Amino acid sequence: MASPVASSPDLPLPGGLCAIHQPNLFPRLTTLAKLFAADCWIVLDDVQFTRRDYQHRTRLASLPDAQDRRWLTIPTHLPHGRRTAIRDALIVEPLRSRRRTAQMLQQYYGASPHWPAFQQALTSLLDLFDTTEKTADLAEASTRILLNLLGWTGCVLRSSRLHARMGRSERLADLAALTGARSYLCGTGGMSYLNTAPFRAHGLTVTPFTTPAAGLWQTGREASAVRALMQLGCKPLAATLRAAAAGQSGPQHAP
C-alpha cells in the first residue's frame, strides 16, 4: 500500500495528467511540449542544482540558422556548494544578467513578427531580477511566460511545498498522487530508470511522452522553445503542441 501524502488547498481538480520537471530557463521545445500536455506541472525545485543542466541556462538558436546557437546563462552562486538545492541557488550580478537576457533575446528574435507579443510578456521576467535573488524563480517564470502565451491553463505547484518519500520513483509517485492525477507524464529519459510500482500503488498509470523528430522538432532537444515561438507565433505553436500531445501512445506499465 502507498504511504499517505499530505493534501494541499491549491491542488487542481483530479483526473488529469501530471508532469514533474525541474525549473528550466526558457526550456527546450521537447520540455515545453511535455508541460503543455499536462494538467499540472510540479516544479521540482528541492533537488540538487546541476550546472551542466538547464536550470540556469538555455541555448538560443537564431531564426535564419538553427545551427547558429549561443548559451544564455544566468550566472549562479551555490551557497552550499554542489549540495545546493535548486531553490537555494542565487543570482550573481542581477542587473548585468537582466541586461544580458534582454539584449540576447532581442538580438536573436527581435526581427520576428511575433517578437512584440513576446517582448511584452518578457517584461514581467525582467522585472523579477529586481525582486528576487533566486535563479529558480527566474527559470520558473520564463517557462510560465511561454505556457501563458500558448494559452495553457494548468496548475503549477512546487515540490518543496509538498511532502513525499525520498526514493526517486517513490518521490515522483507521491508528488503525482498529491495532484489527484490519473497518470504521470514521463519523458524518454525518465522512462529509462522509472520504477512504476510506486505509481501503481497509488492507482496511477505512467504515460510516456515523446515528440516527433522531423521539422520543427529537429532541434527540440537542444534549443530553447523561444525559437519555435518566434517562427510560428502563439496559436500555431499551441496547435503543434496539442497535436504532439494527442499523438502519445497512452499509459504503459514498465517494470
C-alpha atoms as a PDB file:
ATOM      1  CA  MET A   1       0.000   0.000   0.000  1.00  0.00           C
ATOM      2  CA  ALA A   2       1.251   3.504  -0.786  1.00  0.00           C
ATOM      3  CA  SER A   3       2.108   5.699   2.163  1.00  0.00           C
ATOM      4  CA  PRO A   4      -0.237   8.627   2.847  1.00  0.00           C
ATOM      5  CA  VAL A   5       0.694  12.018   1.482  1.00  0.00           C
ATOM      6  CA  ALA A   6      -0.307  15.439   2.689  1.00  0.00           C
ATOM      7  CA  SER A   7      -3.009  17.417   0.928  1.00  0.00           C
ATOM      8  CA  SER A   8      -2.786  20.978  -0.369  1.00  0.00           C
ATOM      9  CA  PRO A   9      -5.553  23.612  -0.754  1.00  0.00           C
ATOM     10  CA  ASP A  10      -4.080  24.610  -4.116  1.00  0.00           C
ATOM     11  CA  LEU A  11      -4.339  21.224  -5.810  1.00  0.00           C
ATOM     12  CA  PRO A  12      -6.039  21.020  -9.219  1.00  0.00           C
ATOM     13  CA  LEU A  13      -9.137  19.024  -9.998  1.00  0.00           C
ATOM     14  CA  PRO A  14      -8.410  15.271 -10.085  1.00  0.00           C
ATOM     15  CA  GLY A  15      -8.262  13.075 -13.144  1.00  0.00           C
ATOM     16  CA  GLY A  16      -5.678  14.760 -15.335  1.00  0.00           C
ATOM     17  CA  LEU A  17      -2.035  14.342 -16.330  1.00  0.00           C
ATOM     18  CA  CYS A  18       0.817  15.397 -14.061  1.00  0.00           C
ATOM     19  CA  ALA A  19       4.313  16.373 -15.229  1.00  0.00           C
ATOM     20  CA  ILE A  20       7.211  16.843 -12.820  1.00  0.00           C
ATOM     21  CA  HIS A  21      10.222  18.756 -14.062  1.00  0.00           C
ATOM     22  CA  GLN A  22      12.973  20.989 -12.745  1.00  0.00           C
ATOM     23  CA  PRO A  23      12.642  24.707 -13.467  1.00  0.00           C
ATOM     24  CA  ASN A  24      14.409  25.363 -16.781  1.00  0.00           C
ATOM     25  CA  LEU A  25      15.347  28.746 -18.194  1.00  0.00           C
ATOM     26  CA  PHE A  26      13.288  29.216 -21.391  1.00  0.00           C
ATOM     27  CA  PRO A  27      13.003  25.428 -21.757  1.00  0.00           C
ATOM     28  CA  ARG A  28      13.693  23.365 -24.841  1.00  0.00           C
ATOM     29  CA  LEU A  29      10.775  22.622 -27.140  1.00  0.00           C
ATOM     30  CA  THR A  30      10.504  18.991 -26.016  1.00  0.00           C
ATOM     31  CA  THR A  31      10.325  20.038 -22.363  1.00  0.00           C
ATOM     32  CA  LEU A  32       7.760  22.741 -23.057  1.00  0.00           C
ATOM     33  CA  ALA A  33       5.673  20.254 -25.053  1.00  0.00           C
ATOM     34  CA  LYS A  34       5.546  17.852 -22.104  1.00  0.00           C
ATOM     35  CA  LEU A  35       4.479  20.567 -19.679  1.00  0.00           C
ATOM     36  CA  PHE A  36       1.906  21.878 -22.164  1.00  0.00           C
ATOM     37  CA  ALA A  37       0.388  18.389 -22.426  1.00  0.00           C
ATOM     38  CA  ALA A  38      -0.015  18.150 -18.644  1.00  0.00           C
ATOM     39  CA  ASP A  39      -2.837  19.450 -16.488  1.00  0.00           C
ATOM     40  CA  CYS A  40      -0.440  20.100 -13.619  1.00  0.00           C
ATOM     41  CA  TRP A  41       3.262  20.890 -13.549  1.00  0.00           C
ATOM     42  CA  ILE A  42       5.101  20.219 -10.309  1.00  0.00           C
ATOM     43  CA  VAL A  43       8.267  22.308 -10.292  1.00  0.00           C
ATOM     44  CA  LEU A  44      10.964  20.021  -8.906  1.00  0.00           C
ATOM     45  CA  ASP A  45      12.887  22.691  -7.012  1.00  0.00           C
ATOM     46  CA  ASP A  46      14.255  20.802  -3.989  1.00  0.00           C
ATOM     47  CA  VAL A  47      16.701  18.509  -5.764  1.00  0.00           C
ATOM     48  CA  GLN A  48      20.391  19.227  -6.314  1.00  0.00           C
ATOM     49  CA  PHE A  49      21.316  22.063  -8.679  1.00  0.00           C
ATOM     50  CA  THR A  50      23.351  20.846 -11.659  1.00  0.00           C
ATOM     51  CA  ARG A  51      25.455  23.344 -13.596  1.00  0.00           C
ATOM     52  CA  ARG A  52      25.585  21.231 -16.746  1.00  0.00           C
ATOM     53  CA  ASP A  53      21.797  21.134 -16.894  1.00  0.00           C
ATOM     54  CA  TYR A  54      19.287  23.810 -17.957  1.00  0.00           C
ATOM     55  CA  GLN A  55      18.298  25.246 -14.580  1.00  0.00           C
ATOM     56  CA  HIS A  56      20.208  28.494 -15.141  1.00  0.00           C
ATOM     57  CA  ARG A  57      20.862  28.486 -18.876  1.00  0.00           C
ATOM     58  CA  THR A  58      19.324  27.892 -22.278  1.00  0.00           C
ATOM     59  CA  ARG A  59      20.667  27.505 -25.782  1.00  0.00           C
ATOM     60  CA  LEU A  60      19.302  30.141 -28.161  1.00  0.00           C
ATOM     61  CA  ALA A  61      19.176  29.262 -31.869  1.00  0.00           C
ATOM     62  CA  SER A  62      18.877  32.042 -34.431  1.00  0.00           C
ATOM     63  CA  LEU A  63      15.880  32.333 -36.730  1.00  0.00           C
ATOM     64  CA  PRO A  64      17.803  32.077 -40.045  1.00  0.00           C
ATOM     65  CA  ASP A  65      20.013  29.174 -38.987  1.00  0.00           C
ATOM     66  CA  ALA A  66      19.156  26.706 -36.225  1.00  0.00           C
ATOM     67  CA  GLN A  67      22.822  25.726 -36.027  1.00  0.00           C
ATOM     68  CA  ASP A  68      23.769  29.280 -35.035  1.00  0.00           C
ATOM     69  CA  ARG A  69      23.493  28.797 -31.298  1.00  0.00           C
ATOM     70  CA  ARG A  70      24.646  30.556 -28.183  1.00  0.00           C
ATOM     71  CA  TRP A  71      24.169  29.967 -24.473  1.00  0.00           C
ATOM     72  CA  LEU A  72      22.124  32.452 -22.481  1.00  0.00           C
ATOM     73  CA  THR A  73      23.238  31.896 -18.894  1.00  0.00           C
ATOM     74  CA  ILE A  74      22.187  33.399 -15.573  1.00  0.00           C
ATOM     75  CA  PRO A  75      25.424  33.385 -13.515  1.00  0.00           C
ATOM     76  CA  THR A  76      24.570  31.481 -10.351  1.00  0.00           C
ATOM     77  CA  HIS A  77      26.175  31.071  -6.933  1.00  0.00           C
ATOM     78  CA  LEU A  78      25.706  27.849  -4.967  1.00  0.00           C
ATOM     79  CA  PRO A  79      25.844  28.797  -1.267  1.00  0.00           C
ATOM     80  CA  HIS A  80      26.157  25.164  -0.159  1.00  0.00           C
ATOM     81  CA  GLY A  81      28.466  24.040  -2.935  1.00  0.00           C
ATOM     82  CA  ARG A  82      27.480  21.037  -5.012  1.00  0.00           C
ATOM     83  CA  ARG A  83      24.861  20.069  -2.399  1.00  0.00           C
ATOM     84  CA  THR A  84      22.870  23.255  -3.046  1.00  0.00           C
ATOM     85  CA  ALA A  85      19.221  22.629  -3.905  1.00  0.00           C
ATOM     86  CA  ILE A  86      17.769  24.328  -6.967  1.00  0.00           C
ATOM     87  CA  ARG A  87      15.546  26.550  -4.824  1.00  0.00           C
ATOM     88  CA  ASP A  88      18.594  27.877  -2.920  1.00  0.00           C
ATOM     89  CA  ALA A  89      20.777  28.829  -5.903  1.00  0.00           C
ATOM     90  CA  LEU A  90      21.421  32.580  -6.060  1.00  0.00           C
ATOM     91  CA  ILE A  91      21.670  35.003  -8.972  1.00  0.00           C
ATOM     92  CA  VAL A  92      25.062  36.664  -9.434  1.00  0.00           C
ATOM     93  CA  GLU A  93      25.048  40.308 -10.616  1.00  0.00           C
ATOM     94  CA  PRO A  94      21.281  40.541 -11.261  1.00  0.00           C
ATOM     95  CA  LEU A  95      21.384  43.904 -13.061  1.00  0.00           C
ATOM     96  CA  ARG A  96      24.017  42.710 -15.507  1.00  0.00           C
ATOM     97  CA  SER A  97      22.120  39.432 -16.007  1.00  0.00           C
ATOM     98  CA  ARG A  98      18.930  41.353 -16.699  1.00  0.00           C
ATOM     99  CA  ARG A  99      20.590  43.469 -19.385  1.00  0.00           C
ATOM    100  CA  ARG A 100      22.235  40.476 -20.996  1.00  0.00           C
ATOM    101  CA  THR A 101      18.993  38.484 -21.043  1.00  0.00           C
ATOM    102  CA  ALA A 102      17.074  41.316 -22.691  1.00  0.00           C
ATOM    103  CA  GLN A 103      19.845  42.041 -25.198  1.00  0.00           C
ATOM    104  CA  MET A 104      20.436  38.457 -26.296  1.00  0.00           C
ATOM    105  CA  LEU A 105      16.758  37.657 -26.759  1.00  0.00           C
ATOM    106  CA  GLN A 106      16.228  40.780 -28.834  1.00  0.00           C
ATOM    107  CA  GLN A 107      19.386  40.126 -30.835  1.00  0.00           C
ATOM    108  CA  TYR A 108      18.215  36.633 -31.778  1.00  0.00           C
ATOM    109  CA  TYR A 109      14.486  37.200 -32.167  1.00  0.00           C
ATOM    110  CA  GLY A 110      13.804  40.926 -32.473  1.00  0.00           C
ATOM    111  CA  ALA A 111      13.302  40.601 -36.251  1.00  0.00           C
ATOM    112  CA  SER A 112      10.438  38.126 -35.837  1.00  0.00           C
ATOM    113  CA  PRO A 113       6.903  39.451 -36.461  1.00  0.00           C
ATOM    114  CA  HIS A 114       5.966  37.662 -33.244  1.00  0.00           C
ATOM    115  CA  TRP A 115       8.559  39.484 -31.154  1.00  0.00           C
ATOM    116  CA  PRO A 116       6.281  42.310 -29.850  1.00  0.00           C
ATOM    117  CA  ALA A 117       3.935  39.897 -28.046  1.00  0.00           C
ATOM    118  CA  PHE A 118       6.849  38.013 -26.542  1.00  0.00           C
ATOM    119  CA  GLN A 119       8.633  41.227 -25.570  1.00  0.00           C
ATOM    120  CA  GLN A 120       5.562  42.435 -23.722  1.00  0.00           C
ATOM    121  CA  ALA A 121       5.326  39.192 -21.768  1.00  0.00           C
ATOM    122  CA  LEU A 122       9.076  39.290 -21.127  1.00  0.00           C
ATOM    123  CA  THR A 123       8.736  42.485 -19.085  1.00  0.00           C
ATOM    124  CA  SER A 124       7.488  40.607 -16.036  1.00  0.00           C
ATOM    125  CA  LEU A 125      10.528  38.319 -16.121  1.00  0.00           C
ATOM    126  CA  LEU A 126      12.991  41.190 -16.459  1.00  0.00           C
ATOM    127  CA  ASP A 127      11.320  42.974 -13.542  1.00  0.00           C
ATOM    128  CA  LEU A 128      11.808  39.829 -11.467  1.00  0.00           C
ATOM    129  CA  PHE A 129      15.564  40.435 -11.495  1.00  0.00           C
ATOM    130  CA  ASP A 130      14.837  43.388  -9.189  1.00  0.00           C
ATOM    131  CA  THR A 131      12.708  41.478  -6.708  1.00  0.00           C
ATOM    132  CA  THR A 132      14.224  38.009  -6.277  1.00  0.00           C
ATOM    133  CA  GLU A 133      17.661  36.593  -5.635  1.00  0.00           C
ATOM    134  CA  LYS A 134      16.730  33.059  -6.648  1.00  0.00           C
ATOM    135  CA  THR A 135      17.679  31.627 -10.022  1.00  0.00           C
ATOM    136  CA  ALA A 136      14.827  29.114  -9.755  1.00  0.00           C
ATOM    137  CA  ASP A 137      12.269  31.936  -9.614  1.00  0.00           C
ATOM    138  CA  LEU A 138      13.541  33.266 -12.932  1.00  0.00           C
ATOM    139  CA  ALA A 139      13.638  29.850 -14.575  1.00  0.00           C
ATOM    140  CA  GLU A 140      10.103  29.012 -13.460  1.00  0.00           C
ATOM    141  CA  ALA A 141       8.830  32.432 -14.567  1.00  0.00           C
ATOM    142  CA  SER A 142      10.421  32.049 -18.006  1.00  0.00           C
ATOM    143  CA  THR A 143       8.534  28.783 -18.503  1.00  0.00           C
ATOM    144  CA  ARG A 144       5.281  30.260 -17.236  1.00  0.00           C
ATOM    145  CA  ILE A 145       5.621  33.086 -19.786  1.00  0.00           C
ATOM    146  CA  LEU A 146       5.807  30.609 -22.645  1.00  0.00           C
ATOM    147  CA  LEU A 147       2.957  28.479 -21.318  1.00  0.00           C
ATOM    148  CA  ASN A 148       0.758  31.536 -20.793  1.00  0.00           C
ATOM    149  CA  LEU A 149       1.412  32.807 -24.317  1.00  0.00           C
ATOM    150  CA  LEU A 150       0.312  29.411 -25.622  1.00  0.00           C
ATOM    151  CA  GLY A 151      -2.928  29.531 -23.647  1.00  0.00           C
ATOM    152  CA  TRP A 152      -2.065  26.788 -21.153  1.00  0.00           C
ATOM    153  CA  THR A 153      -4.472  26.804 -18.200  1.00  0.00           C
ATOM    154  CA  GLY A 154      -2.922  24.138 -15.989  1.00  0.00           C
ATOM    155  CA  CYS A 155      -1.835  24.256 -12.362  1.00  0.00           C
ATOM    156  CA  VAL A 156       1.721  24.880 -11.120  1.00  0.00           C
ATOM    157  CA  LEU A 157       2.950  23.537  -7.761  1.00  0.00           C
ATOM    158  CA  ARG A 158       6.408  23.341  -6.180  1.00  0.00           C
ATOM    159  CA  SER A 159       7.795  20.110  -4.805  1.00  0.00           C
ATOM    160  CA  SER A 160       9.450  21.943  -1.897  1.00  0.00           C
ATOM    161  CA  ARG A 161       5.983  22.700  -0.539  1.00  0.00           C
ATOM    162  CA  LEU A 162       4.741  19.114  -0.749  1.00  0.00           C
ATOM    163  CA  HIS A 163       5.528  16.015   1.281  1.00  0.00           C
ATOM    164  CA  ALA A 164       6.891  12.922  -0.460  1.00  0.00           C
ATOM    165  CA  ARG A 165       9.217   9.996   0.202  1.00  0.00           C
ATOM    166  CA  MET A 166      12.909  10.166  -0.678  1.00  0.00           C
ATOM    167  CA  GLY A 167      13.295   7.349  -3.220  1.00  0.00           C
ATOM    168  CA  ARG A 168      13.465   8.602  -6.805  1.00  0.00           C
ATOM    169  CA  SER A 169      10.437   6.788  -8.191  1.00  0.00           C
ATOM    170  CA  GLU A 170       8.620   6.831  -4.849  1.00  0.00           C
ATOM    171  CA  ARG A 171       9.029  10.590  -4.638  1.00  0.00           C
ATOM    172  CA  LEU A 172       7.672  11.190  -8.129  1.00  0.00           C
ATOM    173  CA  ALA A 173       4.745   8.858  -7.492  1.00  0.00           C
ATOM    174  CA  ASP A 174       3.863  10.564  -4.214  1.00  0.00           C
ATOM    175  CA  LEU A 175       4.024  14.009  -5.801  1.00  0.00           C
ATOM    176  CA  ALA A 176       1.876  12.965  -8.744  1.00  0.00           C
ATOM    177  CA  ALA A 177      -0.655  11.375  -6.394  1.00  0.00           C
ATOM    178  CA  LEU A 178      -0.991  14.643  -4.495  1.00  0.00           C
ATOM    179  CA  THR A 179      -2.451  16.298  -7.574  1.00  0.00           C
ATOM    180  CA  GLY A 180      -5.190  13.719  -7.908  1.00  0.00           C
ATOM    181  CA  ALA A 181      -3.893  12.925 -11.397  1.00  0.00           C
ATOM    182  CA  ARG A 182      -4.831   9.726 -13.208  1.00  0.00           C
ATOM    183  CA  SER A 183      -1.416   9.436 -14.900  1.00  0.00           C
ATOM    184  CA  TYR A 184       2.161  10.642 -14.654  1.00  0.00           C
ATOM    185  CA  LEU A 185       3.555  12.084 -17.878  1.00  0.00           C
ATOM    186  CA  CYS A 186       7.130  10.853 -18.240  1.00  0.00           C
ATOM    187  CA  GLY A 187       9.796  11.904 -20.745  1.00  0.00           C
ATOM    188  CA  THR A 188      12.015   9.443 -22.563  1.00  0.00           C
ATOM    189  CA  GLY A 189      14.895   9.980 -20.151  1.00  0.00           C
ATOM    190  CA  GLY A 190      12.746   9.213 -17.130  1.00  0.00           C
ATOM    191  CA  MET A 191      11.370   6.029 -18.669  1.00  0.00           C
ATOM    192  CA  SER A 192      14.876   4.567 -18.663  1.00  0.00           C
ATOM    193  CA  TYR A 193      15.041   4.445 -14.862  1.00  0.00           C
ATOM    194  CA  LEU A 194      11.476   4.758 -13.598  1.00  0.00           C
ATOM    195  CA  ASN A 195      10.021   2.030 -11.407  1.00  0.00           C
ATOM    196  CA  THR A 196       6.270   2.139 -11.921  1.00  0.00           C
ATOM    197  CA  ALA A 197       5.380   0.009  -8.894  1.00  0.00           C
ATOM    198  CA  PRO A 198       5.018   3.075  -6.609  1.00  0.00           C
ATOM    199  CA  PHE A 199       2.689   4.634  -9.196  1.00  0.00           C
ATOM    200  CA  ARG A 200       0.543   1.515  -9.386  1.00  0.00           C
ATOM    201  CA  ALA A 201       0.311   1.553  -5.594  1.00  0.00           C
ATOM    202  CA  HIS A 202      -1.292   4.997  -5.881  1.00  0.00           C
ATOM    203  CA  GLY A 203      -3.608   3.852  -8.672  1.00  0.00           C
ATOM    204  CA  LEU A 204      -1.632   5.888 -11.223  1.00  0.00           C
ATOM    205  CA  THR A 205      -0.524   4.910 -14.703  1.00  0.00           C
ATOM    206  CA  VAL A 206       2.640   6.183 -16.383  1.00  0.00           C
ATOM    207  CA  THR A 207       2.255   7.790 -19.802  1.00  0.00           C
ATOM    208  CA  PRO A 208       5.477   8.018 -21.860  1.00  0.00           C
ATOM    209  CA  PHE A 209       5.814  11.346 -23.630  1.00  0.00           C
ATOM    210  CA  THR A 210       7.624  11.515 -26.954  1.00  0.00           C
ATOM    211  CA  THR A 211       7.824  14.128 -29.686  1.00  0.00           C
ATOM    212  CA  PRO A 212       8.341  13.903 -33.452  1.00  0.00           C
ATOM    213  CA  ALA A 213      11.900  14.009 -34.794  1.00  0.00           C
ATOM    214  CA  ALA A 214      11.433  15.938 -38.038  1.00  0.00           C
ATOM    215  CA  GLY A 215      10.730  19.527 -38.997  1.00  0.00           C
ATOM    216  CA  LEU A 216      10.363  21.945 -36.137  1.00  0.00           C
ATOM    217  CA  TRP A 217      11.386  19.219 -33.683  1.00  0.00           C
ATOM    218  CA  GLN A 218      14.840  18.572 -35.147  1.00  0.00           C
ATOM    219  CA  THR A 219      16.445  20.898 -32.609  1.00  0.00           C
ATOM    220  CA  GLY A 220      13.731  20.373 -29.993  1.00  0.00           C
ATOM    221  CA  ARG A 221      16.031  18.628 -27.533  1.00  0.00           C
ATOM    222  CA  GLU A 222      18.802  21.175 -27.880  1.00  0.00           C
ATOM    223  CA  ALA A 223      17.463  24.709 -28.395  1.00  0.00           C
ATOM    224  CA  SER A 224      15.056  26.863 -26.437  1.00  0.00           C
ATOM    225  CA  ALA A 225      11.400  26.775 -27.465  1.00  0.00           C
ATOM    226  CA  VAL A 226      11.562  30.548 -27.927  1.00  0.00           C
ATOM    227  CA  ARG A 227      12.847  29.978 -31.474  1.00  0.00           C
ATOM    228  CA  ALA A 228       9.794  27.893 -32.382  1.00  0.00           C
ATOM    229  CA  LEU A 229       7.525  30.537 -30.871  1.00  0.00           C
ATOM    230  CA  MET A 230       9.232  33.271 -32.879  1.00  0.00           C
ATOM    231  CA  GLN A 231       8.951  31.175 -36.030  1.00  0.00           C
ATOM    232  CA  LEU A 232       5.288  30.207 -35.782  1.00  0.00           C
ATOM    233  CA  GLY A 233       3.584  32.548 -33.347  1.00  0.00           C
ATOM    234  CA  CYS A 234       1.466  31.628 -30.337  1.00  0.00           C
ATOM    235  CA  LYS A 235      -1.608  29.973 -31.879  1.00  0.00           C
ATOM    236  CA  PRO A 236       0.200  27.856 -34.497  1.00  0.00           C
ATOM    237  CA  LEU A 237       2.750  26.645 -31.941  1.00  0.00           C
ATOM    238  CA  ALA A 238      -0.015  25.830 -29.466  1.00  0.00           C
ATOM    239  CA  ALA A 239      -1.726  23.788 -32.193  1.00  0.00           C
ATOM    240  CA  THR A 240       1.561  21.977 -32.880  1.00  0.00           C
ATOM    241  CA  LEU A 241       1.969  21.106 -29.208  1.00  0.00           C
ATOM    242  CA  ARG A 242      -1.630  19.935 -28.934  1.00  0.00           C
ATOM    243  CA  ALA A 243      -1.021  17.635 -31.888  1.00  0.00           C
ATOM    244  CA  ALA A 244       2.094  16.253 -30.202  1.00  0.00           C
ATOM    245  CA  ALA A 245       0.129  15.632 -27.006  1.00  0.00           C
ATOM    246  CA  ALA A 246      -2.646  13.883 -28.915  1.00  0.00           C
ATOM    247  CA  GLY A 247      -0.130  11.598 -30.609  1.00  0.00           C
ATOM    248  CA  GLN A 248       1.062   9.885 -27.426  1.00  0.00           C
ATOM    249  CA  SER A 249       0.821   6.104 -27.231  1.00  0.00           C
ATOM    250  CA  GLY A 250      -1.093   6.094 -23.949  1.00  0.00           C
ATOM    251  CA  PRO A 251      -0.361   4.659 -20.492  1.00  0.00           C
ATOM    252  CA  GLN A 252       2.179   1.910 -20.051  1.00  0.00           C
ATOM    253  CA  HIS A 253       3.253  -0.187 -17.095  1.00  0.00           C
ATOM    254  CA  ALA A 254       7.024  -0.520 -17.139  1.00  0.00           C
ATOM    255  CA  PRO A 255       8.727  -2.874 -14.669  1.00  0.00           C
END
